[in-house]
C-alpha cells in the first residue's frame, strides 16, 4: 500500500496529508517573539524571550545561547494531569521533549552571532491530540525568528543569526499504511512511530523512530522519511507566509549595512 492509499482518517484526509494547519505570529503582547499553532485538534502556544545573559559555561566564549521549555496544561488531555510545578520537577517526558526542542532550534542558529544573549523558547500545550512535540518545534521556530529579529532591529546584533529554516512532523505506519501527521487515535495504535525534524534546505536534524508493535524494514524507513519531508515542506511554506513581514524587516536592516549570511531557501 502506498502513502496515497485512501484510508479513514480524521479531517477526511489522505494518508499523505497534514491535518488542517493554522499558524499565527505575535500572539502574545509582551514576549519578543510568539506564535501559536493548531494542527487539527492539537494546539500549542510558544513564546521566545530574549535576555542579556548567558549560562556560566559560556560567559567567556563570546557566544549566545538558546534553550527551550515544554509543558502541558493540566486539562490538555482527556483527563487532568497534575501541574509539574506541583510535583516539584518536570516529568521525564517533558524534560526529554524540551531538550529535543532546544537542540533542534540550535541546529539552525549561529550562536556566535548573538553574543551575550539567551533566547528561551517556552512551549505550552493547550490541547493535545498527537504531535505536540513536533508542533512545538514548528511554532517555536517562528517565535524564535521574531525574537531574534527584534534584537537585530534594536541594533543588539551585528548580523542575522538564523542560518536555515526548521520544522518538524510525525509519521507512522498504521494498519500497514505509512501516514503523515498522526493524531492521538492513530499514534496510540501505530505499528511504527517516527518524529522527524528537518531544515529548509532538506537536511535532517533529528529522527526519532520506533517499532512500537513490530520491527520495520529499510524500505519502510525510507518511505516514512520521504513522507515526513514532504510534510515538513508544507509546514515550511506556512512558516514563510506568516514570517514574511519579519523577513522584510531583516532584509531592510541588511540593506542598511548589517552583514547577514544568506539563508538557504525552503525546498519547493
Protein backbone atom coordinates (compact mmCIF):
# COMPACT_ATOMS: atom_id res chain seq x y z
CA UNK A 1 0.00 0.00 0.00
CA UNK A 2 1.30 3.48 -0.84
CA UNK A 3 1.06 6.72 1.20
CA UNK A 4 -1.64 7.95 -1.19
CA UNK A 5 -3.89 4.99 -0.34
CA UNK A 6 -7.33 6.20 0.72
CA UNK A 7 -7.84 5.47 4.42
CA UNK A 8 -10.30 6.56 7.09
CA UNK A 9 -8.67 9.46 8.94
CA UNK A 10 -9.65 12.47 10.99
CA UNK A 11 -10.46 15.59 8.98
CA UNK A 12 -11.26 13.41 5.94
CA UNK A 13 -7.68 13.45 4.67
CA UNK A 14 -5.47 11.12 2.68
CA UNK A 15 -2.57 9.20 4.17
CA UNK A 16 -0.08 11.78 2.86
CA UNK A 17 -1.96 14.86 4.11
CA UNK A 18 -1.42 17.08 7.13
CA UNK A 19 -4.25 17.92 9.46
CA UNK A 20 -5.66 21.43 8.89
CA UNK A 21 -2.89 23.86 9.90
CA UNK A 22 -3.26 27.29 11.46
CA UNK A 23 -0.09 29.20 12.35
CA UNK A 24 -0.18 32.71 13.83
CA UNK A 25 2.62 35.14 14.65
CA UNK A 26 2.81 37.65 17.51
CA UNK A 27 0.00 36.27 19.63
CA UNK A 28 1.41 37.48 22.97
CA UNK A 29 1.75 41.13 23.94
CA UNK A 30 4.94 41.16 25.99
CA UNK A 31 7.17 38.44 24.52
CA UNK A 32 9.85 39.42 22.00
CA UNK A 33 8.53 36.61 19.82
CA UNK A 34 5.44 34.42 19.94
CA UNK A 35 3.45 32.05 17.78
CA UNK A 36 0.57 29.63 18.09
CA UNK A 37 -0.10 26.56 16.01
CA UNK A 38 -3.12 24.35 15.52
CA UNK A 39 -2.73 21.02 13.79
CA UNK A 40 -6.19 19.56 13.79
CA UNK A 41 -7.12 19.40 17.47
CA UNK A 42 -3.57 19.85 18.75
CA UNK A 43 -2.95 23.41 19.92
CA UNK A 44 0.41 24.77 21.12
CA UNK A 45 1.35 28.28 22.26
CA UNK A 46 5.00 29.33 22.05
CA UNK A 47 6.88 32.41 23.18
CA UNK A 48 10.52 33.45 22.79
CA UNK A 49 12.12 35.65 25.44
CA UNK A 50 15.47 37.39 24.91
CA UNK A 51 17.60 38.20 27.94
CA UNK A 52 21.02 39.82 28.20
CA UNK A 53 22.73 36.91 29.95
CA UNK A 54 24.30 33.56 29.11
CA UNK A 55 24.89 30.37 31.11
CA UNK A 56 28.06 30.36 33.20
CA UNK A 57 29.84 27.94 30.87
CA UNK A 58 29.50 30.48 28.02
CA UNK A 59 30.49 33.65 29.87
CA UNK A 60 33.97 33.75 28.31
CA UNK A 61 33.04 32.13 25.00
CA UNK A 62 31.72 35.16 23.13
CA UNK A 63 28.58 33.21 22.33
CA UNK A 64 24.88 33.36 22.97
CA UNK A 65 22.57 30.54 23.99
CA UNK A 66 19.18 29.20 23.01
CA UNK A 67 17.12 26.85 25.13
CA UNK A 68 13.54 25.65 25.45
CA UNK A 69 10.95 24.61 27.99
CA UNK A 70 7.87 22.45 27.36
CA UNK A 71 4.77 21.80 29.42
CA UNK A 72 1.18 20.68 29.02
CA UNK A 73 -1.75 22.39 30.68
CA UNK A 74 -3.47 20.17 33.23
CA UNK A 75 -6.51 19.60 31.02
CA UNK A 76 -4.78 19.44 27.64
CA UNK A 77 -5.74 15.76 27.52
CA UNK A 78 -8.88 13.78 28.25
CA UNK A 79 -8.08 13.52 31.95
CA UNK A 80 -6.50 16.12 34.22
CA UNK A 81 -2.77 15.88 34.89
CA UNK A 82 -1.13 17.43 37.94
CA UNK A 83 0.92 20.50 37.14
CA UNK A 84 4.61 19.65 37.07
CA UNK A 85 5.40 22.64 39.28
CA UNK A 86 3.22 20.99 41.94
CA UNK A 87 5.32 17.84 41.69
CA UNK A 88 8.47 19.95 42.01
CA UNK A 89 10.13 18.89 38.75
CA UNK A 90 9.33 18.24 35.09
CA UNK A 91 8.36 14.72 34.11
CA UNK A 92 10.88 12.61 32.24
CA UNK A 93 8.77 13.06 29.11
CA UNK A 94 8.72 16.87 29.39
CA UNK A 95 12.47 17.01 30.07
CA UNK A 96 13.20 14.85 27.02
CA UNK A 97 10.93 16.92 24.78
CA UNK A 98 12.34 20.28 25.84
CA UNK A 99 15.86 19.01 25.18
CA UNK A 100 14.69 17.94 21.71
CA UNK A 101 13.18 21.38 21.02
CA UNK A 102 16.29 23.21 22.24
CA UNK A 103 18.82 21.23 20.24
CA UNK A 104 16.60 21.34 17.14
CA UNK A 105 16.42 25.14 17.25
CA UNK A 106 20.14 25.48 17.95
CA UNK A 107 20.83 23.49 14.78
CA UNK A 108 19.71 26.46 12.66
CA UNK A 109 21.19 29.32 14.69
CA UNK A 110 24.74 30.69 14.73
CA UNK A 111 25.14 31.27 18.47
CA UNK A 112 28.31 33.30 17.87
CA UNK A 113 26.13 35.90 16.13
CA UNK A 114 24.14 36.58 19.32
CA UNK A 115 26.90 37.06 21.96
CA UNK A 116 25.70 37.80 25.46
CA UNK A 117 22.06 36.90 24.80
CA UNK A 118 19.97 33.91 25.79
CA UNK A 119 16.71 33.21 23.99
CA UNK A 120 14.32 30.91 25.83
CA UNK A 121 11.51 29.36 23.82
CA UNK A 122 8.57 28.35 26.03
CA UNK A 123 6.16 25.82 24.55
CA UNK A 124 2.82 25.25 26.26
CA UNK A 125 0.41 22.62 25.01
CA UNK A 126 -3.12 23.93 25.29
CA UNK A 127 -4.73 20.84 23.78
CA UNK A 128 -3.09 17.53 22.88
CA UNK A 129 -4.24 15.24 20.10
CA UNK A 130 -0.91 13.85 18.91
CA UNK A 131 2.21 15.53 17.53
CA UNK A 132 2.69 18.06 20.33
CA UNK A 133 6.50 17.97 20.28
CA UNK A 134 6.72 18.44 16.52
CA UNK A 135 4.11 21.22 16.61
CA UNK A 136 6.13 22.93 19.36
CA UNK A 137 9.27 22.86 17.21
CA UNK A 138 7.44 24.24 14.17
CA UNK A 139 5.83 27.11 16.09
CA UNK A 140 8.86 27.59 18.34
CA UNK A 141 11.00 28.32 15.29
CA UNK A 142 8.59 31.08 14.24
CA UNK A 143 8.60 32.64 17.71
CA UNK A 144 12.40 32.44 17.84
CA UNK A 145 12.82 34.17 14.47
CA UNK A 146 10.56 37.02 15.58
CA UNK A 147 12.50 37.45 18.84
CA UNK A 148 15.87 37.48 17.07
CA UNK A 149 14.56 39.99 14.55
CA UNK A 150 13.69 42.32 17.44
CA UNK A 151 17.27 42.12 18.69
CA UNK A 152 18.58 42.82 15.19
CA UNK A 153 16.23 45.77 14.64
CA UNK A 154 17.24 47.24 18.01
CA UNK A 155 20.91 47.10 16.98
CA UNK A 156 21.78 44.50 19.62
CA UNK A 157 23.02 42.04 16.99
CA UNK A 158 25.57 42.82 14.29
CA UNK A 159 24.36 40.12 11.92
CA UNK A 160 21.44 37.81 11.40
CA UNK A 161 22.00 34.57 13.33
CA UNK A 162 19.41 32.30 11.66
CA UNK A 163 21.14 30.12 9.05
CA UNK A 164 18.22 27.92 7.93
CA UNK A 165 14.53 27.28 8.43
CA UNK A 166 13.25 24.44 10.62
CA UNK A 167 10.07 22.42 11.02
CA UNK A 168 9.01 19.02 12.36
CA UNK A 169 6.28 16.47 11.82
CA UNK A 170 5.24 12.99 12.90
CA UNK A 171 4.81 9.99 10.62
CA UNK A 172 3.97 6.38 11.24
CA UNK A 173 2.64 3.10 9.93
CA UNK A 174 -0.94 2.37 10.95
CA UNK A 175 -2.83 -0.66 9.63
CA UNK A 176 0.09 -1.28 7.29
CA UNK A 177 -0.14 2.17 5.67
CA UNK A 178 2.50 4.94 6.05
CA UNK A 179 0.70 8.05 7.30
CA UNK A 180 1.67 11.68 7.77
CA UNK A 181 0.90 13.75 10.88
CA UNK A 182 -0.65 11.21 13.24
CA UNK A 183 -3.38 12.23 15.62
CA UNK A 184 -3.69 10.54 19.00
CA UNK A 185 -6.05 7.80 17.80
CA UNK A 186 -3.52 6.79 15.14
CA UNK A 187 -0.44 7.30 17.30
CA UNK A 188 -1.83 5.07 20.05
CA UNK A 189 -2.14 2.10 17.69
CA UNK A 190 0.76 2.76 15.32
CA UNK A 191 2.93 -0.18 14.38
CA UNK A 192 5.83 2.19 13.69
CA UNK A 193 6.08 5.72 15.02
CA UNK A 194 8.56 8.42 13.95
CA UNK A 195 9.19 12.10 14.69
CA UNK A 196 11.20 13.96 12.08
CA UNK A 197 12.94 17.35 12.31
CA UNK A 198 14.50 18.88 9.20
CA UNK A 199 15.71 22.19 7.80
CA UNK A 200 14.53 24.30 4.92
CA UNK A 201 17.45 23.07 2.85
CA UNK A 202 16.31 19.47 3.38
CA UNK A 203 18.95 18.47 5.93
CA UNK A 204 17.90 16.15 8.75
CA UNK A 205 18.25 17.38 12.32
CA UNK A 206 16.66 14.52 14.24
CA UNK A 207 14.93 11.22 13.56
CA UNK A 208 13.12 9.50 16.42
CA UNK A 209 11.83 6.23 15.01
CA UNK A 210 10.45 3.29 16.96
CA UNK A 211 8.94 -0.06 16.12
CA UNK A 212 6.02 0.07 18.54
CA UNK A 213 4.47 -3.35 17.81
CA UNK A 214 6.90 -4.76 15.25
CA UNK A 215 10.22 -4.17 13.56
CA UNK A 216 10.34 -2.29 10.26
CA UNK A 217 12.36 -2.55 7.09
CA UNK A 218 14.83 -0.18 5.46
CA UNK A 219 12.27 0.36 2.68
CA UNK A 220 9.58 1.31 5.21
CA UNK A 221 12.02 3.64 6.94
CA UNK A 222 12.82 5.39 3.67
CA UNK A 223 9.12 5.68 2.82
CA UNK A 224 8.46 7.34 6.20
CA UNK A 225 11.37 9.75 5.71
CA UNK A 226 10.09 10.76 2.27
CA UNK A 227 6.58 11.22 3.65
CA UNK A 228 7.82 13.26 6.60
CA UNK A 229 10.00 15.51 4.46
CA UNK A 230 7.03 16.21 2.19
CA UNK A 231 5.01 17.28 5.23
CA UNK A 232 7.85 19.45 6.50
CA UNK A 233 7.97 21.26 3.15
CA UNK A 234 4.27 22.09 3.59
CA UNK A 235 4.93 23.43 7.08
CA UNK A 236 7.92 25.47 5.90
CA UNK A 237 5.68 27.12 3.30
CA UNK A 238 3.20 28.03 6.04
CA UNK A 239 6.05 29.47 8.15
CA UNK A 240 7.25 31.54 5.20
CA UNK A 241 3.77 33.06 4.87
CA UNK A 242 3.49 34.21 8.49
CA UNK A 243 7.14 35.32 8.73
CA UNK A 244 7.04 37.41 5.53
CA UNK A 245 6.91 40.77 7.39
CA UNK A 246 9.73 39.69 9.71
CA UNK A 247 11.89 38.68 6.76
CA UNK A 248 11.24 42.07 5.12
CA UNK A 249 12.39 43.85 8.29
CA UNK A 250 15.54 41.74 8.45
CA UNK A 251 16.29 42.42 4.79
CA UNK A 252 15.88 46.14 5.35
CA UNK A 253 18.49 46.02 8.11
CA UNK A 254 20.81 44.07 5.82
CA UNK A 255 20.45 46.72 3.12
CA UNK A 256 21.46 49.39 5.64
CA UNK A 257 24.81 47.73 6.13
CA UNK A 258 24.47 44.86 8.58
CA UNK A 259 26.03 41.62 7.46
CA UNK A 260 23.56 38.80 7.05
CA UNK A 261 24.53 35.28 5.94
CA UNK A 262 22.46 34.02 3.03
CA UNK A 263 19.88 31.57 4.40
CA UNK A 264 19.06 28.55 2.22
CA UNK A 265 15.63 28.72 0.64
CA UNK A 266 12.98 26.20 1.55
CA UNK A 267 12.71 23.37 -0.95
CA UNK A 268 9.63 23.59 -3.14
